[in-house]
């Protein structure tokens, strides 16, 4: 059963219009959801209100509330996007899993031994200093104390079948908030639950920011299906340390290095 998350209502509505219409391919559906998100945020209304010119099915009794999902449309301007992409292209892309390319800036974790290596970590890219300042100033104070210590760039492309399997980000190292900027094209991030037969779709319009925390980060898998990549997409994800890791000697060192904004790319 599919649900579409509304960034204004902050609940996921059960809806069938995007799945019962055979004319809506993956690309058409991604664009349609992005259009609904942009309109709803501009006019501050539910994505499924009757004024939205599309036939929808809404059953409030089947709404799902999942805490910890925030979507901010128009977070970046097109000029900022162009500048960021130009700076990103100054770093080398490395092959990653599932048809993705990757750039990493952060400590190198050994997930088996639960240890961090800091030798190659010199800080985050310079362009992130202003972005992180703006994230901390977002309405609601959700990110007011957010201290990013890891920055990952992922390049998705239809030609490579790029996607990311359903997963949890590691819990021993990365803290509660995962922050992702979506560049170059619209997409959808999907949430699935290990014990519930539901899929929640979260629109990611181009230039938007998506924050996953609380239940959405800790109880629901997240991923991106291949048919929800419709063109080249570059995602910038920021991660923070867990409170426990942040208070350790190595955690304090990582936090200090991250604030330098003098990145040299970390090999993966």
C-alpha atoms as a PDB file:
ATOM      1  CA  UNK A   1       0.000   0.000   0.000  1.00  0.00           C
ATOM      2  CA  UNK A   2       1.384   3.369  -1.020  1.00  0.00           C
ATOM      3  CA  UNK A   3       1.220   6.655   0.865  1.00  0.00           C
ATOM      4  CA  UNK A   4       2.278  10.106  -0.273  1.00  0.00           C
ATOM      5  CA  UNK A   5       3.842  12.343   2.366  1.00  0.00           C
ATOM      6  CA  UNK A   6       2.477  15.886   2.598  1.00  0.00           C
ATOM      7  CA  UNK A   7       5.097  18.431   3.754  1.00  0.00           C
ATOM      8  CA  UNK A   8       2.349  20.834   4.865  1.00  0.00           C
ATOM      9  CA  UNK A   9       0.099  18.390   6.777  1.00  0.00           C
ATOM     10  CA  UNK A  10       3.205  16.439   7.863  1.00  0.00           C
ATOM     11  CA  UNK A  11       1.353  13.144   7.446  1.00  0.00           C
ATOM     12  CA  UNK A  12       1.389  10.517   4.685  1.00  0.00           C
ATOM     13  CA  UNK A  13      -1.911  10.251   2.827  1.00  0.00           C
ATOM     14  CA  UNK A  14      -3.148   7.007   1.340  1.00  0.00           C
ATOM     15  CA  UNK A  15      -3.636   7.719  -2.328  1.00  0.00           C
ATOM     16  CA  UNK A  16      -4.140   5.717  -5.485  1.00  0.00           C
ATOM     17  CA  UNK A  17      -4.161   8.309  -8.256  1.00  0.00           C
ATOM     18  CA  UNK A  18      -0.461   7.981  -8.991  1.00  0.00           C
ATOM     19  CA  UNK A  19      -0.585   4.204  -9.230  1.00  0.00           C
ATOM     20  CA  UNK A  20      -3.905   3.483 -10.928  1.00  0.00           C
ATOM     21  CA  UNK A  21      -3.219   5.711 -13.949  1.00  0.00           C
ATOM     22  CA  UNK A  22      -1.295   3.651 -16.539  1.00  0.00           C
ATOM     23  CA  UNK A  23      -0.255   6.840 -18.364  1.00  0.00           C
ATOM     24  CA  UNK A  24       1.940   7.873 -15.434  1.00  0.00           C
ATOM     25  CA  UNK A  25       5.360   6.281 -15.879  1.00  0.00           C
ATOM     26  CA  UNK A  26       8.103   6.585 -13.310  1.00  0.00           C
ATOM     27  CA  UNK A  27       9.264   9.843 -14.876  1.00  0.00           C
ATOM     28  CA  UNK A  28       5.741  11.279 -15.102  1.00  0.00           C
ATOM     29  CA  UNK A  29       4.981  10.317 -11.514  1.00  0.00           C
ATOM     30  CA  UNK A  30       8.175  11.917 -10.197  1.00  0.00           C
ATOM     31  CA  UNK A  31       7.395  15.150 -12.032  1.00  0.00           C
ATOM     32  CA  UNK A  32       3.758  15.102 -10.896  1.00  0.00           C
ATOM     33  CA  UNK A  33       4.707  14.660  -7.239  1.00  0.00           C
ATOM     34  CA  UNK A  34       7.318  17.423  -7.512  1.00  0.00           C
ATOM     35  CA  UNK A  35       4.685  19.756  -8.978  1.00  0.00           C
ATOM     36  CA  UNK A  36       2.305  18.944  -6.110  1.00  0.00           C
ATOM     37  CA  UNK A  37       5.019  19.652  -3.547  1.00  0.00           C
ATOM     38  CA  UNK A  38       6.017  22.973  -5.083  1.00  0.00           C
ATOM     39  CA  UNK A  39       2.402  24.126  -5.334  1.00  0.00           C
ATOM     40  CA  UNK A  40       1.482  23.009  -1.820  1.00  0.00           C
ATOM     41  CA  UNK A  41       4.468  24.732  -0.254  1.00  0.00           C
ATOM     42  CA  UNK A  42       3.911  27.935  -2.227  1.00  0.00           C
ATOM     43  CA  UNK A  43       0.231  28.096  -1.270  1.00  0.00           C
ATOM     44  CA  UNK A  44       0.670  26.377   2.122  1.00  0.00           C
ATOM     45  CA  UNK A  45      -2.035  23.779   1.566  1.00  0.00           C
ATOM     46  CA  UNK A  46      -2.344  20.004   1.529  1.00  0.00           C
ATOM     47  CA  UNK A  47      -0.999  18.347  -1.597  1.00  0.00           C
ATOM     48  CA  UNK A  48      -4.355  16.576  -2.029  1.00  0.00           C
ATOM     49  CA  UNK A  49      -6.733  19.519  -1.722  1.00  0.00           C
ATOM     50  CA  UNK A  50      -9.467  19.693  -4.357  1.00  0.00           C
ATOM     51  CA  UNK A  51      -8.045  22.926  -5.775  1.00  0.00           C
ATOM     52  CA  UNK A  52      -5.041  20.993  -7.017  1.00  0.00           C
ATOM     53  CA  UNK A  53      -6.058  20.153 -10.580  1.00  0.00           C
ATOM     54  CA  UNK A  54      -5.747  16.390 -10.443  1.00  0.00           C
ATOM     55  CA  UNK A  55      -8.088  13.563  -9.592  1.00  0.00           C
ATOM     56  CA  UNK A  56      -7.095  12.130  -6.230  1.00  0.00           C
ATOM     57  CA  UNK A  57      -8.330   9.682  -3.683  1.00  0.00           C
ATOM     58  CA  UNK A  58      -7.869  10.636  -0.052  1.00  0.00           C
ATOM     59  CA  UNK A  59      -8.959   8.622   2.936  1.00  0.00           C
ATOM     60  CA  UNK A  60      -8.063  10.344   6.194  1.00  0.00           C
ATOM     61  CA  UNK A  61      -8.705   7.172   8.162  1.00  0.00           C
ATOM     62  CA  UNK A  62      -5.683   5.671   6.411  1.00  0.00           C
ATOM     63  CA  UNK A  63      -3.282   8.531   6.958  1.00  0.00           C
ATOM     64  CA  UNK A  64       0.049   7.568   8.536  1.00  0.00           C
ATOM     65  CA  UNK A  65       1.917   9.817  10.934  1.00  0.00           C
ATOM     66  CA  UNK A  66       5.665   9.329  10.892  1.00  0.00           C
ATOM     67  CA  UNK A  67       7.706  11.804  12.904  1.00  0.00           C
ATOM     68  CA  UNK A  68      10.924  13.276  11.599  1.00  0.00           C
ATOM     69  CA  UNK A  69      10.235  14.179   7.946  1.00  0.00           C
ATOM     70  CA  UNK A  70      10.894  17.731   6.773  1.00  0.00           C
ATOM     71  CA  UNK A  71      10.907  18.906   3.162  1.00  0.00           C
ATOM     72  CA  UNK A  72      11.963  22.417   2.223  1.00  0.00           C
ATOM     73  CA  UNK A  73      11.308  23.329  -1.405  1.00  0.00           C
ATOM     74  CA  UNK A  74      13.237  26.175  -3.047  1.00  0.00           C
ATOM     75  CA  UNK A  75      16.070  25.801  -0.520  1.00  0.00           C
ATOM     76  CA  UNK A  76      18.594  26.651  -3.231  1.00  0.00           C
ATOM     77  CA  UNK A  77      18.384  28.951  -6.223  1.00  0.00           C
ATOM     78  CA  UNK A  78      19.357  27.801  -9.711  1.00  0.00           C
ATOM     79  CA  UNK A  79      22.372  30.120  -9.560  1.00  0.00           C
ATOM     80  CA  UNK A  80      23.495  28.511  -6.306  1.00  0.00           C
ATOM     81  CA  UNK A  81      22.967  25.068  -7.792  1.00  0.00           C
ATOM     82  CA  UNK A  82      25.174  25.930 -10.780  1.00  0.00           C
ATOM     83  CA  UNK A  83      27.930  27.246  -8.521  1.00  0.00           C
ATOM     84  CA  UNK A  84      27.792  24.189  -6.259  1.00  0.00           C
ATOM     85  CA  UNK A  85      27.906  21.756  -9.194  1.00  0.00           C
ATOM     86  CA  UNK A  86      30.917  23.582 -10.646  1.00  0.00           C
ATOM     87  CA  UNK A  87      32.745  23.200  -7.331  1.00  0.00           C
ATOM     88  CA  UNK A  88      31.705  19.560  -6.956  1.00  0.00           C
ATOM     89  CA  UNK A  89      33.086  18.783 -10.415  1.00  0.00           C
ATOM     90  CA  UNK A  90      36.472  19.995  -9.160  1.00  0.00           C
ATOM     91  CA  UNK A  91      36.693  16.795  -7.089  1.00  0.00           C
ATOM     92  CA  UNK A  92      37.115  13.284  -8.481  1.00  0.00           C
ATOM     93  CA  UNK A  93      34.145  10.947  -8.734  1.00  0.00           C
ATOM     94  CA  UNK A  94      34.669   7.344  -7.636  1.00  0.00           C
ATOM     95  CA  UNK A  95      32.628   4.296  -8.562  1.00  0.00           C
ATOM     96  CA  UNK A  96      30.126   3.295  -5.888  1.00  0.00           C
ATOM     97  CA  UNK A  97      27.384   0.697  -5.565  1.00  0.00           C
ATOM     98  CA  UNK A  98      24.157   0.342  -7.564  1.00  0.00           C
ATOM     99  CA  UNK A  99      25.201   2.513 -10.485  1.00  0.00           C
ATOM    100  CA  UNK A 100      26.165   5.545  -8.400  1.00  0.00           C
ATOM    101  CA  UNK A 101      29.271   7.728  -8.380  1.00  0.00           C
ATOM    102  CA  UNK A 102      30.530   9.053  -5.057  1.00  0.00           C
ATOM    103  CA  UNK A 103      32.612  11.748  -3.371  1.00  0.00           C
ATOM    104  CA  UNK A 104      33.296  11.535   0.367  1.00  0.00           C
ATOM    105  CA  UNK A 105      34.453  14.164   2.836  1.00  0.00           C
ATOM    106  CA  UNK A 106      34.732  12.971   6.413  1.00  0.00           C
ATOM    107  CA  UNK A 107      36.416  10.517   8.764  1.00  0.00           C
ATOM    108  CA  UNK A 108      36.964   7.018   7.385  1.00  0.00           C
ATOM    109  CA  UNK A 109      34.918   4.564   9.465  1.00  0.00           C
ATOM    110  CA  UNK A 110      35.777   0.937  10.085  1.00  0.00           C
ATOM    111  CA  UNK A 111      32.251  -0.340  10.646  1.00  0.00           C
ATOM    112  CA  UNK A 112      33.340  -3.768  11.887  1.00  0.00           C
ATOM    113  CA  UNK A 113      35.722  -2.406  14.523  1.00  0.00           C
ATOM    114  CA  UNK A 114      33.614   0.721  15.137  1.00  0.00           C
ATOM    115  CA  UNK A 115      36.610   2.991  14.826  1.00  0.00           C
ATOM    116  CA  UNK A 116      37.417   6.146  12.866  1.00  0.00           C
ATOM    117  CA  UNK A 117      40.536   7.133  10.947  1.00  0.00           C
ATOM    118  CA  UNK A 118      41.209  10.846  10.603  1.00  0.00           C
ATOM    119  CA  UNK A 119      44.484  10.967   8.653  1.00  0.00           C
ATOM    120  CA  UNK A 120      42.925  12.090   5.365  1.00  0.00           C
ATOM    121  CA  UNK A 121      40.126  14.250   6.767  1.00  0.00           C
ATOM    122  CA  UNK A 122      40.850  17.973   6.391  1.00  0.00           C
ATOM    123  CA  UNK A 123      37.344  19.404   6.600  1.00  0.00           C
ATOM    124  CA  UNK A 124      34.175  19.862   4.561  1.00  0.00           C
ATOM    125  CA  UNK A 125      34.086  21.669   1.184  1.00  0.00           C
ATOM    126  CA  UNK A 126      34.164  25.454   1.425  1.00  0.00           C
ATOM    127  CA  UNK A 127      30.750  25.920  -0.228  1.00  0.00           C
ATOM    128  CA  UNK A 128      29.093  24.040   2.643  1.00  0.00           C
ATOM    129  CA  UNK A 129      29.862  26.731   5.209  1.00  0.00           C
ATOM    130  CA  UNK A 130      27.047  28.970   3.956  1.00  0.00           C
ATOM    131  CA  UNK A 131      24.698  26.047   3.350  1.00  0.00           C
ATOM    132  CA  UNK A 132      25.076  24.741   6.897  1.00  0.00           C
ATOM    133  CA  UNK A 133      24.542  28.222   8.311  1.00  0.00           C
ATOM    134  CA  UNK A 134      21.285  28.449   6.356  1.00  0.00           C
ATOM    135  CA  UNK A 135      20.205  24.969   7.465  1.00  0.00           C
ATOM    136  CA  UNK A 136      20.657  25.947  11.102  1.00  0.00           C
ATOM    137  CA  UNK A 137      18.442  28.994  10.478  1.00  0.00           C
ATOM    138  CA  UNK A 138      15.562  26.992   8.970  1.00  0.00           C
ATOM    139  CA  UNK A 139      12.108  27.610  10.537  1.00  0.00           C
ATOM    140  CA  UNK A 140      11.274  25.423  13.512  1.00  0.00           C
ATOM    141  CA  UNK A 141      14.839  25.311  14.872  1.00  0.00           C
ATOM    142  CA  UNK A 142      15.018  21.639  13.883  1.00  0.00           C
ATOM    143  CA  UNK A 143      18.646  22.017  12.797  1.00  0.00           C
ATOM    144  CA  UNK A 144      19.710  24.899  15.040  1.00  0.00           C
ATOM    145  CA  UNK A 145      22.415  22.770  16.697  1.00  0.00           C
ATOM    146  CA  UNK A 146      23.274  20.602  13.697  1.00  0.00           C
ATOM    147  CA  UNK A 147      27.034  20.005  13.376  1.00  0.00           C
ATOM    148  CA  UNK A 148      27.842  18.201  10.138  1.00  0.00           C
ATOM    149  CA  UNK A 149      31.023  16.135  10.252  1.00  0.00           C
ATOM    150  CA  UNK A 150      30.542  14.095   7.069  1.00  0.00           C
ATOM    151  CA  UNK A 151      29.509  15.163   3.592  1.00  0.00           C
ATOM    152  CA  UNK A 152      28.727  12.708   0.813  1.00  0.00           C
ATOM    153  CA  UNK A 153      27.998  13.513  -2.828  1.00  0.00           C
ATOM    154  CA  UNK A 154      26.179  10.870  -4.879  1.00  0.00           C
ATOM    155  CA  UNK A 155      25.733  11.075  -8.639  1.00  0.00           C
ATOM    156  CA  UNK A 156      22.719   9.189 -10.011  1.00  0.00           C
ATOM    157  CA  UNK A 157      22.015   8.666 -13.713  1.00  0.00           C
ATOM    158  CA  UNK A 158      19.327   6.806 -15.640  1.00  0.00           C
ATOM    159  CA  UNK A 159      21.937   5.398 -18.021  1.00  0.00           C
ATOM    160  CA  UNK A 160      23.628   3.551 -15.144  1.00  0.00           C
ATOM    161  CA  UNK A 161      20.394   2.334 -13.523  1.00  0.00           C
ATOM    162  CA  UNK A 162      21.377   4.292 -10.426  1.00  0.00           C
ATOM    163  CA  UNK A 163      19.453   3.664  -7.219  1.00  0.00           C
ATOM    164  CA  UNK A 164      20.038   2.986  -3.534  1.00  0.00           C
ATOM    165  CA  UNK A 165      18.648  -0.067  -1.790  1.00  0.00           C
ATOM    166  CA  UNK A 166      16.460   0.229   1.290  1.00  0.00           C
ATOM    167  CA  UNK A 167      18.701   0.660   4.320  1.00  0.00           C
ATOM    168  CA  UNK A 168      19.298   2.263   7.683  1.00  0.00           C
ATOM    169  CA  UNK A 169      22.259   4.616   8.015  1.00  0.00           C
ATOM    170  CA  UNK A 170      24.622   3.254  10.630  1.00  0.00           C
ATOM    171  CA  UNK A 171      23.479   3.885  14.206  1.00  0.00           C
ATOM    172  CA  UNK A 172      26.704   3.672  16.219  1.00  0.00           C
ATOM    173  CA  UNK A 173      28.335   6.522  14.303  1.00  0.00           C
ATOM    174  CA  UNK A 174      25.791   8.796  12.629  1.00  0.00           C
ATOM    175  CA  UNK A 175      23.356  10.845  14.678  1.00  0.00           C
ATOM    176  CA  UNK A 176      19.618  11.322  14.444  1.00  0.00           C
ATOM    177  CA  UNK A 177      19.430  13.819  11.560  1.00  0.00           C
ATOM    178  CA  UNK A 178      20.224  13.029   7.921  1.00  0.00           C
ATOM    179  CA  UNK A 179      20.112  16.107   5.695  1.00  0.00           C
ATOM    180  CA  UNK A 180      20.045  15.832   1.894  1.00  0.00           C
ATOM    181  CA  UNK A 181      20.049  18.500  -0.810  1.00  0.00           C
ATOM    182  CA  UNK A 182      18.616  17.456  -4.179  1.00  0.00           C
ATOM    183  CA  UNK A 183      20.273  18.945  -7.283  1.00  0.00           C
ATOM    184  CA  UNK A 184      19.749  18.858 -11.068  1.00  0.00           C
ATOM    185  CA  UNK A 185      16.472  16.880 -11.219  1.00  0.00           C
ATOM    186  CA  UNK A 186      13.400  15.854  -9.257  1.00  0.00           C
ATOM    187  CA  UNK A 187      13.342  12.523  -7.441  1.00  0.00           C
ATOM    188  CA  UNK A 188      11.495  10.551  -4.762  1.00  0.00           C
ATOM    189  CA  UNK A 189      12.832   9.008  -1.584  1.00  0.00           C
ATOM    190  CA  UNK A 190      10.850   5.999  -0.369  1.00  0.00           C
ATOM    191  CA  UNK A 191      10.386   4.691   3.163  1.00  0.00           C
ATOM    192  CA  UNK A 192       9.506   1.077   3.930  1.00  0.00           C
ATOM    193  CA  UNK A 193       8.925  -0.527   7.311  1.00  0.00           C
ATOM    194  CA  UNK A 194      10.406  -3.886   8.352  1.00  0.00           C
ATOM    195  CA  UNK A 195       7.081  -4.983   9.865  1.00  0.00           C
ATOM    196  CA  UNK A 196       4.427  -3.047   7.929  1.00  0.00           C
ATOM    197  CA  UNK A 197       3.303  -3.511   4.277  1.00  0.00           C
ATOM    198  CA  UNK A 198       3.516   0.213   3.527  1.00  0.00           C
ATOM    199  CA  UNK A 199       5.646   2.404   1.297  1.00  0.00           C
ATOM    200  CA  UNK A 200       5.766   6.144   1.949  1.00  0.00           C
ATOM    201  CA  UNK A 201       6.841   8.325  -0.964  1.00  0.00           C
ATOM    202  CA  UNK A 202       8.554  11.629  -0.169  1.00  0.00           C
ATOM    203  CA  UNK A 203       8.931  14.048  -3.047  1.00  0.00           C
ATOM    204  CA  UNK A 204      12.341  15.606  -3.575  1.00  0.00           C
ATOM    205  CA  UNK A 205      11.891  18.513  -5.971  1.00  0.00           C
ATOM    206  CA  UNK A 206      14.986  19.915  -7.579  1.00  0.00           C
ATOM    207  CA  UNK A 207      16.705  22.497  -5.289  1.00  0.00           C
ATOM    208  CA  UNK A 208      14.960  21.111  -2.173  1.00  0.00           C
ATOM    209  CA  UNK A 209      16.259  19.863   1.161  1.00  0.00           C
ATOM    210  CA  UNK A 210      14.951  16.762   2.928  1.00  0.00           C
ATOM    211  CA  UNK A 211      15.620  15.976   6.588  1.00  0.00           C
ATOM    212  CA  UNK A 212      15.031  12.505   8.035  1.00  0.00           C
ATOM    213  CA  UNK A 213      15.154  12.070  11.807  1.00  0.00           C
ATOM    214  CA  UNK A 214      13.257  10.413  14.684  1.00  0.00           C
ATOM    215  CA  UNK A 215      10.933   7.624  13.461  1.00  0.00           C
ATOM    216  CA  UNK A 216      11.676   8.222   9.787  1.00  0.00           C
ATOM    217  CA  UNK A 217      15.399   7.763  10.365  1.00  0.00           C
ATOM    218  CA  UNK A 218      15.383   5.123  13.095  1.00  0.00           C
ATOM    219  CA  UNK A 219      12.348   2.896  12.382  1.00  0.00           C
ATOM    220  CA  UNK A 220      11.861   3.084   8.604  1.00  0.00           C
ATOM    221  CA  UNK A 221      14.259   1.993   5.878  1.00  0.00           C
ATOM    222  CA  UNK A 222      14.936   4.629   3.235  1.00  0.00           C
ATOM    223  CA  UNK A 223      16.076   4.276  -0.362  1.00  0.00           C
ATOM    224  CA  UNK A 224      15.542   5.397  -3.947  1.00  0.00           C
ATOM    225  CA  UNK A 225      14.104   3.121  -6.631  1.00  0.00           C
ATOM    226  CA  UNK A 226      15.616   3.127 -10.156  1.00  0.00           C
ATOM    227  CA  UNK A 227      12.376   4.387 -11.759  1.00  0.00           C
ATOM    228  CA  UNK A 228      12.467   7.441  -9.481  1.00  0.00           C
ATOM    229  CA  UNK A 229      15.693   8.644 -11.092  1.00  0.00           C
ATOM    230  CA  UNK A 230      14.616  10.536 -14.224  1.00  0.00           C
ATOM    231  CA  UNK A 231      17.799  12.380 -15.228  1.00  0.00           C
ATOM    232  CA  UNK A 232      21.192  13.120 -13.754  1.00  0.00           C
ATOM    233  CA  UNK A 233      20.746  13.753 -10.028  1.00  0.00           C
ATOM    234  CA  UNK A 234      23.391  14.910  -7.555  1.00  0.00           C
ATOM    235  CA  UNK A 235      22.594  14.527  -3.865  1.00  0.00           C
ATOM    236  CA  UNK A 236      24.558  16.171  -1.054  1.00  0.00           C
ATOM    237  CA  UNK A 237      24.052  14.441   2.283  1.00  0.00           C
ATOM    238  CA  UNK A 238      25.276  15.831   5.603  1.00  0.00           C
ATOM    239  CA  UNK A 239      25.619  13.635   8.687  1.00  0.00           C
ATOM    240  CA  UNK A 240      26.274  14.400  12.338  1.00  0.00           C
ATOM    241  CA  UNK A 241      27.840  12.226  15.029  1.00  0.00           C
ATOM    242  CA  UNK A 242      25.826  10.437  17.673  1.00  0.00           C
ATOM    243  CA  UNK A 243      25.782  12.191  21.043  1.00  0.00           C
ATOM    244  CA  UNK A 244      27.903   9.373  22.458  1.00  0.00           C
ATOM    245  CA  UNK A 245      30.520   9.598  19.709  1.00  0.00           C
ATOM    246  CA  UNK A 246      30.529  13.398  19.782  1.00  0.00           C
ATOM    247  CA  UNK A 247      31.634  13.412  23.439  1.00  0.00           C
ATOM    248  CA  UNK A 248      34.686  11.176  22.862  1.00  0.00           C
ATOM    249  CA  UNK A 249      38.196  12.461  22.154  1.00  0.00           C
ATOM    250  CA  UNK A 250      37.993  11.325  18.531  1.00  0.00           C
ATOM    251  CA  UNK A 251      34.536  12.866  18.212  1.00  0.00           C
ATOM    252  CA  UNK A 252      35.808  16.222  19.429  1.00  0.00           C
ATOM    253  CA  UNK A 253      38.677  16.050  16.922  1.00  0.00           C
ATOM    254  CA  UNK A 254      36.307  15.180  14.065  1.00  0.00           C
ATOM    255  CA  UNK A 255      34.008  18.098  14.918  1.00  0.00           C
ATOM    256  CA  UNK A 256      36.947  20.518  15.010  1.00  0.00           C
ATOM    257  CA  UNK A 257      38.351  19.315  11.682  1.00  0.00           C
ATOM    258  CA  UNK A 258      34.925  19.504  10.002  1.00  0.00           C
ATOM    259  CA  UNK A 259      34.650  23.184  10.886  1.00  0.00           C
ATOM    260  CA  UNK A 260      37.771  24.028   8.840  1.00  0.00           C
ATOM    261  CA  UNK A 261      35.978  23.907   5.462  1.00  0.00           C
ATOM    262  CA  UNK A 262      39.264  23.154   3.723  1.00  0.00           C
ATOM    263  CA  UNK A 263      38.297  19.844   2.165  1.00  0.00           C
ATOM    264  CA  UNK A 264      40.642  17.419   0.531  1.00  0.00           C
ATOM    265  CA  UNK A 265      38.660  14.527  -0.856  1.00  0.00           C
ATOM    266  CA  UNK A 266      38.628  11.395   1.333  1.00  0.00           C
ATOM    267  CA  UNK A 267      39.383   8.162  -0.493  1.00  0.00           C
ATOM    268  CA  UNK A 268      36.704   5.504  -0.018  1.00  0.00           C
END
